Protein backbone atom coordinates (compact mmCIF):
# COMPACT_ATOMS: atom_id res chain seq x y z
CA UNK A 1 -2.46 -25.51 7.06
CA UNK A 2 -2.80 -22.31 5.17
CA UNK A 3 -0.69 -22.23 1.90
CA UNK A 4 1.22 -19.04 1.09
CA UNK A 5 -0.42 -18.73 -1.92
CA UNK A 6 -4.33 -20.47 -2.18
CA UNK A 7 -5.97 -20.99 -5.69
CA UNK A 8 -7.90 -18.27 -6.55
CA UNK A 9 -11.13 -20.01 -6.70
CA UNK A 10 -10.99 -21.25 -3.02
CA UNK A 11 -11.97 -17.32 -1.50
CA UNK A 12 -13.89 -15.69 -4.14
CA UNK A 13 -15.71 -13.53 -1.46
CA UNK A 14 -12.10 -12.33 0.01
CA UNK A 15 -11.15 -11.20 -3.40
CA UNK A 16 -14.80 -8.99 -4.11
CA UNK A 17 -14.14 -7.78 -0.55
CA UNK A 18 -10.74 -6.62 -1.37
CA UNK A 19 -11.93 -4.86 -4.66
CA UNK A 20 -14.60 -3.55 -3.12
CA UNK A 21 -12.63 -1.88 -0.40
CA UNK A 22 -10.27 -0.78 -2.88
CA UNK A 23 -12.73 1.01 -5.06
CA UNK A 24 -14.52 2.64 -1.75
CA UNK A 25 -11.23 3.82 -1.08
CA UNK A 26 -10.49 5.38 -4.17
CA UNK A 27 -14.21 7.26 -4.14
CA UNK A 28 -13.46 8.42 -1.19
CA UNK A 29 -10.39 10.08 -1.89
CA UNK A 30 -11.78 11.41 -5.37
CA UNK A 31 -14.81 12.97 -3.60
CA UNK A 32 -12.57 14.43 -0.98
CA UNK A 33 -10.54 16.17 -3.78
CA UNK A 34 -12.70 17.43 -5.14
CA UNK A 35 -14.84 18.94 -2.05
CA UNK A 36 -11.48 20.63 -1.24
CA UNK A 37 -10.97 22.27 -4.97
CA UNK A 38 -14.58 23.67 -4.45
CA UNK A 39 -13.51 25.07 -1.22
CA UNK A 40 -10.44 26.52 -2.12
CA UNK A 41 -12.16 27.77 -5.44
CA UNK A 42 -14.82 29.08 -3.32
CA UNK A 43 -12.65 31.33 -1.25
CA UNK A 44 -10.85 32.76 -3.82
């Protein structure tokens, strides 16, 4: 049976991939934001 709150030591891989996914999302959003800013500054 799966418990609602398993100990962190049981699934270190899931925590690692979750953190990696968050970092990738933040990086992509930051890169997209800088690209949009450069595009708007280049047009104006």
